[in-house]
Every structure is written in C-alpha cells, then in structure tokens.
C-alpha cells in the first residue's frame, strides 16, 4: 500500500506541475490562478472521495486517491507562500483575494464533492 500511495502522490505532484504551468502559460498574471485551480479541483475530488467512503465505499480509495493523489496534487503551502509574495510586492488586493479566494473556493469545492457523492 505504501508504494501505491507514493506513486499516486508523485502522479498528483506531476499533475499539479503540469496544470499550474499550463494555466500560467495561457493566462500570465501576478495572481496564482493555476494553484487556486489545483487546490479547488483537489478539494472537489477529496470531498467526493470522503463522501463516498462516508456512504460505505471502501476506505482504501480515499487513502490511495485522497492521501496519495490529492496530497501530492494540492498545495496549501504554495498558496500561502504566493500570498506572502503578493504582500511583499505590496499587491494587497491580490494577496487578500488569494487568501480569501483559496479558503472560499476550496471549502465550497469540498462541499460540492461531498454533495455529488451523496447523489450516488
């Protein structure tokens, strides 16, 4: 199980790198749109997996995909480091938007994921 978790974590990190890079290349901005999208998608998936397990699905799915893939895919530390970078650049509105936007979108995405699982 440990090897599978590690592989899924590595896959998640590679997907984060690819998606963030694609977003930054397509829409260059000081605001970290790619990381916000990554964290929202990861929260949606983790909410969905958690909802499935709460509904009786095998908990190993949440372990492998939630802890492994989502753990490698999402990055709270990068989101907060981006916020600090924006503060240091005196981009106050962007920093506040990233801080509040990250928390709001990830909580909403996790709740939506849970809700989707409840419908199944």
PDB file of N, CA and C in Angstrom:
ATOM      1  N   UNK A   1       0.827  -1.198   0.000  1.00  0.00           N
ATOM      2  CA  UNK A   1       0.000   0.000   0.000  1.00  0.00           C
ATOM      3  C   UNK A   1       0.873   1.264   0.000  1.00  0.00           C
ATOM      4  N   UNK A   2       1.995   1.210   0.706  1.00  0.00           N
ATOM      5  CA  UNK A   2       2.873   2.376   0.787  1.00  0.00           C
ATOM      6  C   UNK A   2       3.422   2.761  -0.583  1.00  0.00           C
ATOM      7  N   UNK A   3       3.789   1.785  -1.371  1.00  0.00           N
ATOM      8  CA  UNK A   3       4.321   2.063  -2.709  1.00  0.00           C
ATOM      9  C   UNK A   3       3.240   2.689  -3.586  1.00  0.00           C
ATOM     10  N   UNK A   4       2.017   2.180  -3.504  1.00  0.00           N
ATOM     11  CA  UNK A   4       0.909   2.733  -4.278  1.00  0.00           C
ATOM     12  C   UNK A   4       0.620   4.171  -3.860  1.00  0.00           C
ATOM     13  N   UNK A   5       0.655   4.439  -2.558  1.00  0.00           N
ATOM     14  CA  UNK A   5       0.467   5.803  -2.060  1.00  0.00           C
ATOM     15  C   UNK A   5       1.540   6.726  -2.612  1.00  0.00           C
ATOM     16  N   UNK A   6       2.784   6.272  -2.576  1.00  0.00           N
ATOM     17  CA  UNK A   6       3.890   7.087  -3.077  1.00  0.00           C
ATOM     18  C   UNK A   6       3.745   7.353  -4.574  1.00  0.00           C
ATOM     19  N   UNK A   7       3.363   6.345  -5.329  1.00  0.00           N
ATOM     20  CA  UNK A   7       3.168   6.523  -6.771  1.00  0.00           C
ATOM     21  C   UNK A   7       2.047   7.513  -7.059  1.00  0.00           C
ATOM     22  N   UNK A   8       0.950   7.382  -6.333  1.00  0.00           N
ATOM     23  CA  UNK A   8      -0.173   8.309  -6.526  1.00  0.00           C
ATOM     24  C   UNK A   8       0.209   9.725  -6.105  1.00  0.00           C
ATOM     25  N   UNK A   9       0.985   9.849  -5.037  1.00  0.00           N
ATOM     26  CA  UNK A   9       1.463  11.167  -4.615  1.00  0.00           C
ATOM     27  C   UNK A   9       2.346  11.806  -5.673  1.00  0.00           C
ATOM     28  N   UNK A  10       3.229  11.017  -6.251  1.00  0.00           N
ATOM     29  CA  UNK A  10       4.081  11.527  -7.323  1.00  0.00           C
ATOM     30  C   UNK A  10       3.283  11.916  -8.552  1.00  0.00           C
ATOM     31  N   UNK A  11       2.278  11.110  -8.884  1.00  0.00           N
ATOM     32  CA  UNK A  11       1.407  11.432 -10.013  1.00  0.00           C
ATOM     33  C   UNK A  11       0.653  12.733  -9.747  1.00  0.00           C
ATOM     34  N   UNK A  12       0.162  12.897  -8.524  1.00  0.00           N
ATOM     35  CA  UNK A  12      -0.535  14.130  -8.163  1.00  0.00           C
ATOM     36  C   UNK A  12       0.368  15.349  -8.289  1.00  0.00           C
ATOM     37  N   UNK A  13       1.613  15.231  -7.819  1.00  0.00           N
ATOM     38  CA  UNK A  13       2.558  16.344  -7.911  1.00  0.00           C
ATOM     39  C   UNK A  13       2.870  16.676  -9.368  1.00  0.00           C
ATOM     40  N   UNK A  14       3.032  15.656 -10.201  1.00  0.00           N
ATOM     41  CA  UNK A  14       3.294  15.889 -11.624  1.00  0.00           C
ATOM     42  C   UNK A  14       2.100  16.563 -12.299  1.00  0.00           C
ATOM     43  N   UNK A  15       0.894  16.149 -11.930  1.00  0.00           N
ATOM     44  CA  UNK A  15      -0.319  16.774 -12.485  1.00  0.00           C
ATOM     45  C   UNK A  15      -0.430  18.228 -12.044  1.00  0.00           C
ATOM     46  N   UNK A  16      -0.085  18.508 -10.778  1.00  0.00           N
ATOM     47  CA  UNK A  16      -0.104  19.893 -10.290  1.00  0.00           C
ATOM     48  C   UNK A  16       0.871  20.738 -11.091  1.00  0.00           C
ATOM     49  N   UNK A  17       2.071  20.242 -11.278  1.00  0.00           N
ATOM     50  CA  UNK A  17       3.094  20.962 -12.031  1.00  0.00           C
ATOM     51  C   UNK A  17       2.607  21.256 -13.450  1.00  0.00           C
ATOM     52  N   UNK A  18       2.021  20.261 -14.098  1.00  0.00           N
ATOM     53  CA  UNK A  18       1.547  20.421 -15.476  1.00  0.00           C
ATOM     54  C   UNK A  18       0.379  21.396 -15.561  1.00  0.00           C
ATOM     55  N   UNK A  19      -0.605  21.254 -14.676  1.00  0.00           N
ATOM     56  CA  UNK A  19      -1.783  22.124 -14.734  1.00  0.00           C
ATOM     57  C   UNK A  19      -1.426  23.562 -14.388  1.00  0.00           C
ATOM     58  N   UNK A  20      -0.653  23.766 -13.332  1.00  0.00           N
ATOM     59  CA  UNK A  20      -0.243  25.120 -12.955  1.00  0.00           C
ATOM     60  C   UNK A  20       0.557  25.760 -14.084  1.00  0.00           C
ATOM     61  N   UNK A  21       1.470  25.013 -14.672  1.00  0.00           N
ATOM     62  CA  UNK A  21       2.262  25.547 -15.780  1.00  0.00           C
ATOM     63  C   UNK A  21       1.411  25.897 -16.986  1.00  0.00           C
ATOM     64  N   UNK A  22       0.431  25.061 -17.291  1.00  0.00           N
ATOM     65  CA  UNK A  22      -0.454  25.325 -18.429  1.00  0.00           C
ATOM     66  C   UNK A  22      -1.291  26.580 -18.194  1.00  0.00           C
ATOM     67  N   UNK A  23      -1.799  26.737 -16.981  1.00  0.00           N
ATOM     68  CA  UNK A  23      -2.607  27.926 -16.663  1.00  0.00           C
ATOM     69  C   UNK A  23      -1.737  29.181 -16.729  1.00  0.00           C
ATOM     70  N   UNK A  24      -0.538  29.125 -16.149  1.00  0.00           N
ATOM     71  CA  UNK A  24       0.351  30.295 -16.176  1.00  0.00           C
ATOM     72  C   UNK A  24       0.764  30.650 -17.601  1.00  0.00           C
ATOM     73  N   UNK A  25       0.968  29.645 -18.453  1.00  0.00           N
ATOM     74  CA  UNK A  25       1.345  29.913 -19.845  1.00  0.00           C
ATOM     75  C   UNK A  25       0.183  30.521 -20.626  1.00  0.00           C
ATOM     76  N   UNK A  26      -1.013  30.057 -20.342  1.00  0.00           N
ATOM     77  CA  UNK A  26      -2.202  30.522 -21.078  1.00  0.00           C
ATOM     78  C   UNK A  26      -2.668  31.892 -20.604  1.00  0.00           C
ATOM     79  N   UNK A  27      -2.618  32.116 -19.272  1.00  0.00           N
ATOM     80  CA  UNK A  27      -3.086  33.371 -18.685  1.00  0.00           C
ATOM     81  C   UNK A  27      -2.029  33.932 -17.742  1.00  0.00           C
ATOM     82  N   UNK A  28      -0.979  34.565 -18.278  1.00  0.00           N
ATOM     83  CA  UNK A  28       0.065  35.124 -17.413  1.00  0.00           C
ATOM     84  C   UNK A  28      -0.516  36.191 -16.482  1.00  0.00           C
ATOM     85  N   UNK A  29      -0.173  36.100 -15.216  1.00  0.00           N
ATOM     86  CA  UNK A  29      -0.727  37.020 -14.228  1.00  0.00           C
ATOM     87  C   UNK A  29       0.119  36.958 -12.964  1.00  0.00           C
ATOM     88  N   UNK A  30       0.106  38.037 -12.189  1.00  0.00           N
ATOM     89  CA  UNK A  30       0.747  38.001 -10.868  1.00  0.00           C
ATOM     90  C   UNK A  30      -0.057  37.122  -9.921  1.00  0.00           C
ATOM     91  N   UNK A  31      -1.357  37.005 -10.179  1.00  0.00           N
ATOM     92  CA  UNK A  31      -2.221  36.199  -9.316  1.00  0.00           C
ATOM     93  C   UNK A  31      -2.018  34.722  -9.650  1.00  0.00           C
ATOM     94  N   UNK A  32      -1.902  33.864  -8.642  1.00  0.00           N
ATOM     95  CA  UNK A  32      -1.630  32.438  -8.876  1.00  0.00           C
ATOM     96  C   UNK A  32      -2.879  31.627  -9.230  1.00  0.00           C
ATOM     97  N   UNK A  33      -3.437  31.905 -10.404  1.00  0.00           N
ATOM     98  CA  UNK A  33      -4.662  31.216 -10.827  1.00  0.00           C
ATOM     99  C   UNK A  33      -4.483  29.703 -10.912  1.00  0.00           C
ATOM    100  N   UNK A  34      -3.333  29.257 -11.365  1.00  0.00           N
ATOM    101  CA  UNK A  34      -3.099  27.819 -11.514  1.00  0.00           C
ATOM    102  C   UNK A  34      -3.163  27.078 -10.193  1.00  0.00           C
ATOM    103  N   UNK A  35      -2.536  27.632  -9.169  1.00  0.00           N
ATOM    104  CA  UNK A  35      -2.546  26.983  -7.851  1.00  0.00           C
ATOM    105  C   UNK A  35      -3.947  27.035  -7.253  1.00  0.00           C
ATOM    106  N   UNK A  36      -4.661  28.128  -7.463  1.00  0.00           N
ATOM    107  CA  UNK A  36      -6.044  28.205  -6.979  1.00  0.00           C
ATOM    108  C   UNK A  36      -6.891  27.116  -7.640  1.00  0.00           C
ATOM    109  N   UNK A  37      -6.736  26.935  -8.937  1.00  0.00           N
ATOM    110  CA  UNK A  37      -7.479  25.898  -9.654  1.00  0.00           C
ATOM    111  C   UNK A  37      -7.094  24.504  -9.159  1.00  0.00           C
ATOM    112  N   UNK A  38      -5.807  24.263  -8.995  1.00  0.00           N
ATOM    113  CA  UNK A  38      -5.328  22.971  -8.493  1.00  0.00           C
ATOM    114  C   UNK A  38      -5.957  22.659  -7.139  1.00  0.00           C
ATOM    115  N   UNK A  39      -5.912  23.619  -6.227  1.00  0.00           N
ATOM    116  CA  UNK A  39      -6.443  23.377  -4.885  1.00  0.00           C
ATOM    117  C   UNK A  39      -7.957  23.195  -4.893  1.00  0.00           C
ATOM    118  N   UNK A  40      -8.652  23.919  -5.755  1.00  0.00           N
ATOM    119  CA  UNK A  40     -10.105  23.742  -5.851  1.00  0.00           C
ATOM    120  C   UNK A  40     -10.448  22.357  -6.410  1.00  0.00           C
ATOM    121  N   UNK A  41      -9.765  21.946  -7.459  1.00  0.00           N
ATOM    122  CA  UNK A  41     -10.025  20.616  -8.037  1.00  0.00           C
ATOM    123  C   UNK A  41      -9.670  19.502  -7.056  1.00  0.00           C
ATOM    124  N   UNK A  42      -8.558  19.657  -6.364  1.00  0.00           N
ATOM    125  CA  UNK A  42      -8.166  18.660  -5.369  1.00  0.00           C
ATOM    126  C   UNK A  42      -9.164  18.569  -4.231  1.00  0.00           C
ATOM    127  N   UNK A  43      -9.692  19.705  -3.798  1.00  0.00           N
ATOM    128  CA  UNK A  43     -10.696  19.718  -2.731  1.00  0.00           C
ATOM    129  C   UNK A  43     -11.999  19.086  -3.196  1.00  0.00           C
ATOM    130  N   UNK A  44     -12.370  19.340  -4.446  1.00  0.00           N
ATOM    131  CA  UNK A  44     -13.562  18.708  -5.016  1.00  0.00           C
ATOM    132  C   UNK A  44     -13.405  17.188  -5.015  1.00  0.00           C
ATOM    133  N   UNK A  45     -12.269  16.703  -5.481  1.00  0.00           N
ATOM    134  CA  UNK A  45     -12.025  15.265  -5.528  1.00  0.00           C
ATOM    135  C   UNK A  45     -11.970  14.661  -4.129  1.00  0.00           C
ATOM    136  N   UNK A  46     -11.287  15.326  -3.204  1.00  0.00           N
ATOM    137  CA  UNK A  46     -11.195  14.786  -1.850  1.00  0.00           C
ATOM    138  C   UNK A  46     -12.552  14.798  -1.157  1.00  0.00           C
ATOM    139  N   UNK A  47     -13.341  15.837  -1.376  1.00  0.00           N
ATOM    140  CA  UNK A  47     -14.698  15.859  -0.831  1.00  0.00           C
ATOM    141  C   UNK A  47     -15.536  14.722  -1.389  1.00  0.00           C
ATOM    142  N   UNK A  48     -15.400  14.480  -2.686  1.00  0.00           N
ATOM    143  CA  UNK A  48     -16.118  13.385  -3.334  1.00  0.00           C
ATOM    144  C   UNK A  48     -15.700  12.038  -2.742  1.00  0.00           C
ATOM    145  N   UNK A  49     -14.405  11.806  -2.634  1.00  0.00           N
ATOM    146  CA  UNK A  49     -13.907  10.545  -2.075  1.00  0.00           C
ATOM    147  C   UNK A  49     -14.347  10.359  -0.631  1.00  0.00           C
ATOM    148  N   UNK A  50     -14.284  11.421   0.147  1.00  0.00           N
ATOM    149  CA  UNK A  50     -14.699  11.358   1.550  1.00  0.00           C
ATOM    150  C   UNK A  50     -16.184  11.050   1.647  1.00  0.00           C
ATOM    151  N   UNK A  51     -16.973  11.662   0.771  1.00  0.00           N
ATOM    152  CA  UNK A  51     -18.406  11.378   0.737  1.00  0.00           C
ATOM    153  C   UNK A  51     -18.704   9.943   0.353  1.00  0.00           C
ATOM    154  N   UNK A  52     -17.957   9.414  -0.606  1.00  0.00           N
ATOM    155  CA  UNK A  52     -18.152   8.013  -0.996  1.00  0.00           C
ATOM    156  C   UNK A  52     -17.847   7.071   0.161  1.00  0.00           C
ATOM    157  N   UNK A  53     -16.753   7.326   0.865  1.00  0.00           N
ATOM    158  CA  UNK A  53     -16.382   6.473   1.999  1.00  0.00           C
ATOM    159  C   UNK A  53     -17.417   6.598   3.112  1.00  0.00           C
ATOM    160  N   UNK A  54     -17.906   7.814   3.354  1.00  0.00           N
ATOM    161  CA  UNK A  54     -18.953   8.002   4.369  1.00  0.00           C
ATOM    162  C   UNK A  54     -20.210   7.228   3.993  1.00  0.00           C
ATOM    163  N   UNK A  55     -20.435   7.058   2.691  1.00  0.00           N
ATOM    164  CA  UNK A  55     -21.592   6.309   2.210  1.00  0.00           C
ATOM    165  C   UNK A  55     -21.361   4.809   2.131  1.00  0.00           C
ATOM    166  N   UNK A  56     -20.205   4.347   2.557  1.00  0.00           N
ATOM    167  CA  UNK A  56     -19.956   2.913   2.607  1.00  0.00           C
ATOM    168  C   UNK A  56     -18.926   2.378   1.632  1.00  0.00           C
ATOM    169  N   UNK A  57     -18.337   3.233   0.800  1.00  0.00           N
ATOM    170  CA  UNK A  57     -17.314   2.761  -0.143  1.00  0.00           C
ATOM    171  C   UNK A  57     -16.059   2.330   0.617  1.00  0.00           C
ATOM    172  N   UNK A  58     -15.267   1.514  -0.015  1.00  0.00           N
ATOM    173  CA  UNK A  58     -14.021   1.019   0.571  1.00  0.00           C
ATOM    174  C   UNK A  58     -13.097   2.195   0.909  1.00  0.00           C
ATOM    175  N   UNK A  59     -12.687   2.296   2.161  1.00  0.00           N
ATOM    176  CA  UNK A  59     -11.866   3.411   2.636  1.00  0.00           C
ATOM    177  C   UNK A  59     -10.490   3.451   1.972  1.00  0.00           C
ATOM    178  N   UNK A  60     -10.079   2.349   1.366  1.00  0.00           N
ATOM    179  CA  UNK A  60      -8.773   2.356   0.694  1.00  0.00           C
ATOM    180  C   UNK A  60      -8.753   3.311  -0.496  1.00  0.00           C
ATOM    181  N   UNK A  61      -9.910   3.553  -1.123  1.00  0.00           N
ATOM    182  CA  UNK A  61      -9.967   4.520  -2.224  1.00  0.00           C
ATOM    183  C   UNK A  61      -9.588   5.910  -1.728  1.00  0.00           C
ATOM    184  N   UNK A  62     -10.142   6.283  -0.579  1.00  0.00           N
ATOM    185  CA  UNK A  62      -9.818   7.595  -0.021  1.00  0.00           C
ATOM    186  C   UNK A  62      -8.351   7.651   0.374  1.00  0.00           C
ATOM    187  N   UNK A  63      -7.842   6.561   0.896  1.00  0.00           N
ATOM    188  CA  UNK A  63      -6.434   6.528   1.294  1.00  0.00           C
ATOM    189  C   UNK A  63      -5.521   6.706   0.080  1.00  0.00           C
ATOM    190  N   UNK A  64      -5.731   5.902  -0.945  1.00  0.00           N
ATOM    191  CA  UNK A  64      -4.842   5.939  -2.110  1.00  0.00           C
ATOM    192  C   UNK A  64      -5.035   7.218  -2.920  1.00  0.00           C
ATOM    193  N   UNK A  65      -6.275   7.545  -3.252  1.00  0.00           N
ATOM    194  CA  UNK A  65      -6.524   8.727  -4.080  1.00  0.00           C
ATOM    195  C   UNK A  65      -6.545  10.016  -3.268  1.00  0.00           C
ATOM    196  N   UNK A  66      -7.085   9.952  -2.051  1.00  0.00           N
ATOM    197  CA  UNK A  66      -7.161  11.149  -1.221  1.00  0.00           C
ATOM    198  C   UNK A  66      -5.815  11.542  -0.648  1.00  0.00           C
ATOM    199  N   UNK A  67      -5.245  10.644   0.143  1.00  0.00           N
ATOM    200  CA  UNK A  67      -3.945  10.929   0.754  1.00  0.00           C
ATOM    201  C   UNK A  67      -2.849  10.941  -0.306  1.00  0.00           C
ATOM    202  N   UNK A  68      -2.863   9.954  -1.197  1.00  0.00           N
ATOM    203  CA  UNK A  68      -1.820   9.858  -2.217  1.00  0.00           C
ATOM    204  C   UNK A  68      -1.937  10.931  -3.286  1.00  0.00           C
ATOM    205  N   UNK A  69      -2.908  10.776  -4.195  1.00  0.00           N
ATOM    206  CA  UNK A  69      -3.014  11.694  -5.329  1.00  0.00           C
ATOM    207  C   UNK A  69      -3.325  13.123  -4.885  1.00  0.00           C
ATOM    208  N   UNK A  70      -4.395  13.302  -4.102  1.00  0.00           N
ATOM    209  CA  UNK A  70      -4.777  14.663  -3.694  1.00  0.00           C
ATOM    210  C   UNK A  70      -3.706  15.313  -2.824  1.00  0.00           C
ATOM    211  N   UNK A  71      -3.047  14.498  -1.990  1.00  0.00           N
ATOM    212  CA  UNK A  71      -1.965  15.031  -1.166  1.00  0.00           C
ATOM    213  C   UNK A  71      -0.807  15.548  -2.002  1.00  0.00           C
ATOM    214  N   UNK A  72      -0.506  14.865  -3.094  1.00  0.00           N
ATOM    215  CA  UNK A  72       0.544  15.333  -3.992  1.00  0.00           C
ATOM    216  C   UNK A  72       0.076  16.448  -4.914  1.00  0.00           C
ATOM    217  N   UNK A  73      -1.199  16.444  -5.237  1.00  0.00           N
ATOM    218  CA  UNK A  73      -1.760  17.407  -6.186  1.00  0.00           C
ATOM    219  C   UNK A  73      -1.967  18.778  -5.549  1.00  0.00           C
ATOM    220  N   UNK A  74      -2.591  18.808  -4.391  1.00  0.00           N
ATOM    221  CA  UNK A  74      -2.912  20.090  -3.760  1.00  0.00           C
ATOM    222  C   UNK A  74      -1.713  20.632  -2.996  1.00  0.00           C
ATOM    223  N   UNK A  75      -1.741  21.935  -2.732  1.00  0.00           N
ATOM    224  CA  UNK A  75      -0.612  22.556  -2.051  1.00  0.00           C
ATOM    225  C   UNK A  75      -1.030  23.811  -1.307  1.00  0.00           C
ATOM    226  N   UNK A  76      -1.365  23.639  -0.045  1.00  0.00           N
ATOM    227  CA  UNK A  76      -1.699  24.782   0.803  1.00  0.00           C
ATOM    228  C   UNK A  76      -0.465  25.659   0.997  1.00  0.00           C
ATOM    229  N   UNK A  77       0.691  25.040   1.152  1.00  0.00           N
ATOM    230  CA  UNK A  77       1.916  25.804   1.410  1.00  0.00           C
ATOM    231  C   UNK A  77       2.251  26.740   0.247  1.00  0.00           C
ATOM    232  N   UNK A  78       2.079  26.283  -0.978  1.00  0.00           N
ATOM    233  CA  UNK A  78       2.345  27.155  -2.124  1.00  0.00           C
ATOM    234  C   UNK A  78       1.343  28.292  -2.177  1.00  0.00           C
ATOM    235  N   UNK A  79       0.084  28.004  -1.881  1.00  0.00           N
ATOM    236  CA  UNK A  79      -0.937  29.056  -1.881  1.00  0.00           C
ATOM    237  C   UNK A  79      -0.591  30.144  -0.868  1.00  0.00           C
ATOM    238  N   UNK A  80      -0.144  29.741   0.317  1.00  0.00           N
ATOM    239  CA  UNK A  80       0.176  30.729   1.345  1.00  0.00           C
ATOM    240  C   UNK A  80       1.489  31.448   1.040  1.00  0.00           C
ATOM    241  N   UNK A  81       2.443  30.749   0.447  1.00  0.00           N
ATOM    242  CA  UNK A  81       3.689  31.399   0.033  1.00  0.00           C
ATOM    243  C   UNK A  81       3.412  32.406  -1.077  1.00  0.00           C
ATOM    244  N   UNK A  82       2.502  32.079  -1.979  1.00  0.00           N
ATOM    245  CA  UNK A  82       2.088  33.041  -3.005  1.00  0.00           C
ATOM    246  C   UNK A  82       1.449  34.268  -2.366  1.00  0.00           C
ATOM    247  N   UNK A  83       0.655  34.058  -1.322  1.00  0.00           N
ATOM    248  CA  UNK A  83       0.033  35.184  -0.621  1.00  0.00           C
ATOM    249  C   UNK A  83       1.103  36.072   0.001  1.00  0.00           C
ATOM    250  N   UNK A  84       2.085  35.473   0.651  1.00  0.00           N
ATOM    251  CA  UNK A  84       3.181  36.245   1.252  1.00  0.00           C
ATOM    252  C   UNK A  84       3.955  36.994   0.168  1.00  0.00           C
ATOM    253  N   UNK A  85       4.197  36.347  -0.963  1.00  0.00           N
ATOM    254  CA  UNK A  85       4.882  37.017  -2.077  1.00  0.00           C
ATOM    255  C   UNK A  85       4.108  38.254  -2.518  1.00  0.00           C
ATOM    256  N   UNK A  86       2.796  38.126  -2.634  1.00  0.00           N
ATOM    257  CA  UNK A  86       1.970  39.264  -3.049  1.00  0.00           C
ATOM    258  C   UNK A  86       1.997  40.375  -2.003  1.00  0.00           C
ATOM    259  N   UNK A  87       2.003  40.024  -0.731  1.00  0.00           N
ATOM    260  CA  UNK A  87       2.118  41.030   0.338  1.00  0.00           C
ATOM    261  C   UNK A  87       3.461  41.748   0.217  1.00  0.00           C
ATOM    262  N   UNK A  88       4.528  41.003   0.036  1.00  0.00           N
ATOM    263  CA  UNK A  88       5.863  41.605  -0.082  1.00  0.00           C
ATOM    264  C   UNK A  88       5.961  42.520  -1.306  1.00  0.00           C
ATOM    265  N   UNK A  89       5.182  42.204  -2.343  1.00  0.00           N
ATOM    266  CA  UNK A  89       5.135  43.057  -3.539  1.00  0.00           C
ATOM    267  C   UNK A  89       4.154  44.218  -3.364  1.00  0.00           C
ATOM    268  N   UNK A  90       3.558  44.294  -2.190  1.00  0.00           N
ATOM    269  CA  UNK A  90       2.554  45.321  -1.859  1.00  0.00           C
ATOM    270  C   UNK A  90       1.327  45.252  -2.769  1.00  0.00           C
ATOM    271  N   UNK A  91       1.034  44.064  -3.229  1.00  0.00           N
ATOM    272  CA  UNK A  91      -0.168  43.814  -4.031  1.00  0.00           C
ATOM    273  C   UNK A  91      -1.257  43.349  -3.060  1.00  0.00           C
ATOM    274  N   UNK A  92      -1.711  44.289  -2.233  1.00  0.00           N
ATOM    275  CA  UNK A  92      -2.599  43.976  -1.109  1.00  0.00           C
ATOM    276  C   UNK A  92      -3.888  43.304  -1.551  1.00  0.00           C
ATOM    277  N   UNK A  93      -4.511  43.832  -2.574  1.00  0.00           N
ATOM    278  CA  UNK A  93      -5.789  43.258  -3.032  1.00  0.00           C
ATOM    279  C   UNK A  93      -5.600  41.847  -3.586  1.00  0.00           C
ATOM    280  N   UNK A  94      -4.534  41.647  -4.330  1.00  0.00           N
ATOM    281  CA  UNK A  94      -4.267  40.306  -4.852  1.00  0.00           C
ATOM    282  C   UNK A  94      -3.972  39.326  -3.714  1.00  0.00           C
ATOM    283  N   UNK A  95      -3.226  39.790  -2.720  1.00  0.00           N
ATOM    284  CA  UNK A  95      -2.915  38.929  -1.568  1.00  0.00           C
ATOM    285  C   UNK A  95      -4.183  38.557  -0.813  1.00  0.00           C
ATOM    286  N   UNK A  96      -5.023  39.553  -0.547  1.00  0.00           N
ATOM    287  CA  UNK A  96      -6.283  39.278   0.157  1.00  0.00           C
ATOM    288  C   UNK A  96      -7.181  38.381  -0.689  1.00  0.00           C
ATOM    289  N   UNK A  97      -7.214  38.637  -1.985  1.00  0.00           N
ATOM    290  CA  UNK A  97      -8.020  37.805  -2.877  1.00  0.00           C
ATOM    291  C   UNK A  97      -7.543  36.367  -2.900  1.00  0.00           C
ATOM    292  N   UNK A  98      -6.234  36.173  -2.869  1.00  0.00           N
ATOM    293  CA  UNK A  98      -5.703  34.811  -2.865  1.00  0.00           C
ATOM    294  C   UNK A  98      -6.009  34.113  -1.548  1.00  0.00           C
ATOM    295  N   UNK A  99      -5.836  34.826  -0.448  1.00  0.00           N
ATOM    296  CA  UNK A  99      -6.097  34.230   0.862  1.00  0.00           C
ATOM    297  C   UNK A  99      -7.568  33.848   1.011  1.00  0.00           C
ATOM    298  N   UNK A 100      -8.449  34.802   0.792  1.00  0.00           N
ATOM    299  CA  UNK A 100      -9.885  34.552   0.941  1.00  0.00           C
ATOM    300  C   UNK A 100     -10.388  33.629  -0.169  1.00  0.00           C
ATOM    301  N   UNK A 101      -9.926  33.866  -1.385  1.00  0.00           N
ATOM    302  CA  UNK A 101     -10.360  33.046  -2.514  1.00  0.00           C
ATOM    303  C   UNK A 101      -9.971  31.592  -2.364  1.00  0.00           C
ATOM    304  N   UNK A 102      -8.765  31.338  -1.873  1.00  0.00           N
ATOM    305  CA  UNK A 102      -8.325  29.958  -1.665  1.00  0.00           C
ATOM    306  C   UNK A 102      -9.203  29.266  -0.639  1.00  0.00           C
ATOM    307  N   UNK A 103      -9.425  29.920   0.490  1.00  0.00           N
ATOM    308  CA  UNK A 103     -10.253  29.302   1.532  1.00  0.00           C
ATOM    309  C   UNK A 103     -11.686  29.096   1.057  1.00  0.00           C
ATOM    310  N   UNK A 104     -12.259  30.111   0.429  1.00  0.00           N
ATOM    311  CA  UNK A 104     -13.659  30.017  -0.001  1.00  0.00           C
ATOM    312  C   UNK A 104     -13.850  28.963  -1.096  1.00  0.00           C
ATOM    313  N   UNK A 105     -13.001  28.988  -2.110  1.00  0.00           N
ATOM    314  CA  UNK A 105     -13.206  28.044  -3.215  1.00  0.00           C
ATOM    315  C   UNK A 105     -12.926  26.606  -2.801  1.00  0.00           C
ATOM    316  N   UNK A 106     -11.936  26.398  -1.950  1.00  0.00           N
ATOM    317  CA  UNK A 106     -11.629  25.019  -1.563  1.00  0.00           C
ATOM    318  C   UNK A 106     -12.690  24.434  -0.642  1.00  0.00           C
ATOM    319  N   UNK A 107     -13.215  25.237   0.263  1.00  0.00           N
ATOM    320  CA  UNK A 107     -14.293  24.741   1.133  1.00  0.00           C
ATOM    321  C   UNK A 107     -15.543  24.465   0.303  1.00  0.00           C
ATOM    322  N   UNK A 108     -15.886  25.372  -0.591  1.00  0.00           N
ATOM    323  CA  UNK A 108     -17.052  25.174  -1.454  1.00  0.00           C
ATOM    324  C   UNK A 108     -16.863  23.952  -2.355  1.00  0.00           C
ATOM    325  N   UNK A 109     -15.672  23.794  -2.909  1.00  0.00           N
ATOM    326  CA  UNK A 109     -15.407  22.644  -3.778  1.00  0.00           C
ATOM    327  C   UNK A 109     -15.516  21.334  -3.004  1.00  0.00           C
ATOM    328  N   UNK A 110     -14.972  21.297  -1.786  1.00  0.00           N
ATOM    329  CA  UNK A 110     -15.069  20.079  -0.968  1.00  0.00           C
ATOM    330  C   UNK A 110     -16.527  19.762  -0.655  1.00  0.00           C
ATOM    331  N   UNK A 111     -17.311  20.785  -0.334  1.00  0.00           N
ATOM    332  CA  UNK A 111     -18.735  20.579  -0.054  1.00  0.00           C
ATOM    333  C   UNK A 111     -19.463  20.069  -1.298  1.00  0.00           C
ATOM    334  N   UNK A 112     -19.124  20.607  -2.457  1.00  0.00           N
ATOM    335  CA  UNK A 112     -19.737  20.129  -3.706  1.00  0.00           C
ATOM    336  C   UNK A 112     -19.360  18.676  -3.973  1.00  0.00           C
ATOM    337  N   UNK A 113     -18.109  18.323  -3.737  1.00  0.00           N
ATOM    338  CA  UNK A 113     -17.680  16.941  -3.912  1.00  0.00           C
ATOM    339  C   UNK A 113     -18.448  15.994  -3.012  1.00  0.00           C
ATOM    340  N   UNK A 114     -18.609  16.397  -1.764  1.00  0.00           N
ATOM    341  CA  UNK A 114     -19.407  15.610  -0.823  1.00  0.00           C
ATOM    342  C   UNK A 114     -20.833  15.464  -1.340  1.00  0.00           C
ATOM    343  N   UNK A 115     -21.405  16.579  -1.809  1.00  0.00           N
ATOM    344  CA  UNK A 115     -22.774  16.559  -2.317  1.00  0.00           C
ATOM    345  C   UNK A 115     -22.941  15.659  -3.526  1.00  0.00           C
ATOM    346  N   UNK A 116     -21.975  15.684  -4.424  1.00  0.00           N
ATOM    347  CA  UNK A 116     -22.033  14.802  -5.596  1.00  0.00           C
ATOM    348  C   UNK A 116     -22.007  13.346  -5.153  1.00  0.00           C
ATOM    349  N   UNK A 117     -21.149  13.030  -4.188  1.00  0.00           N
ATOM    350  CA  UNK A 117     -21.080  11.649  -3.677  1.00  0.00           C
ATOM    351  C   UNK A 117     -22.403  11.238  -3.043  1.00  0.00           C
ATOM    352  N   UNK A 118     -23.055  12.170  -2.363  1.00  0.00           N
ATOM    353  CA  UNK A 118     -24.348  11.873  -1.736  1.00  0.00           C
ATOM    354  C   UNK A 118     -25.411  11.515  -2.769  1.00  0.00           C
ATOM    355  N   UNK A 119     -25.291  12.060  -3.974  1.00  0.00           N
ATOM    356  CA  UNK A 119     -26.272  11.784  -5.023  1.00  0.00           C
ATOM    357  C   UNK A 119     -26.121  10.389  -5.618  1.00  0.00           C
ATOM    358  N   UNK A 120     -24.982   9.773  -5.406  1.00  0.00           N
ATOM    359  CA  UNK A 120     -24.720   8.450  -5.997  1.00  0.00           C
ATOM    360  C   UNK A 120     -25.205   7.325  -5.113  1.00  0.00           C
TER     361      UNK A 120
END
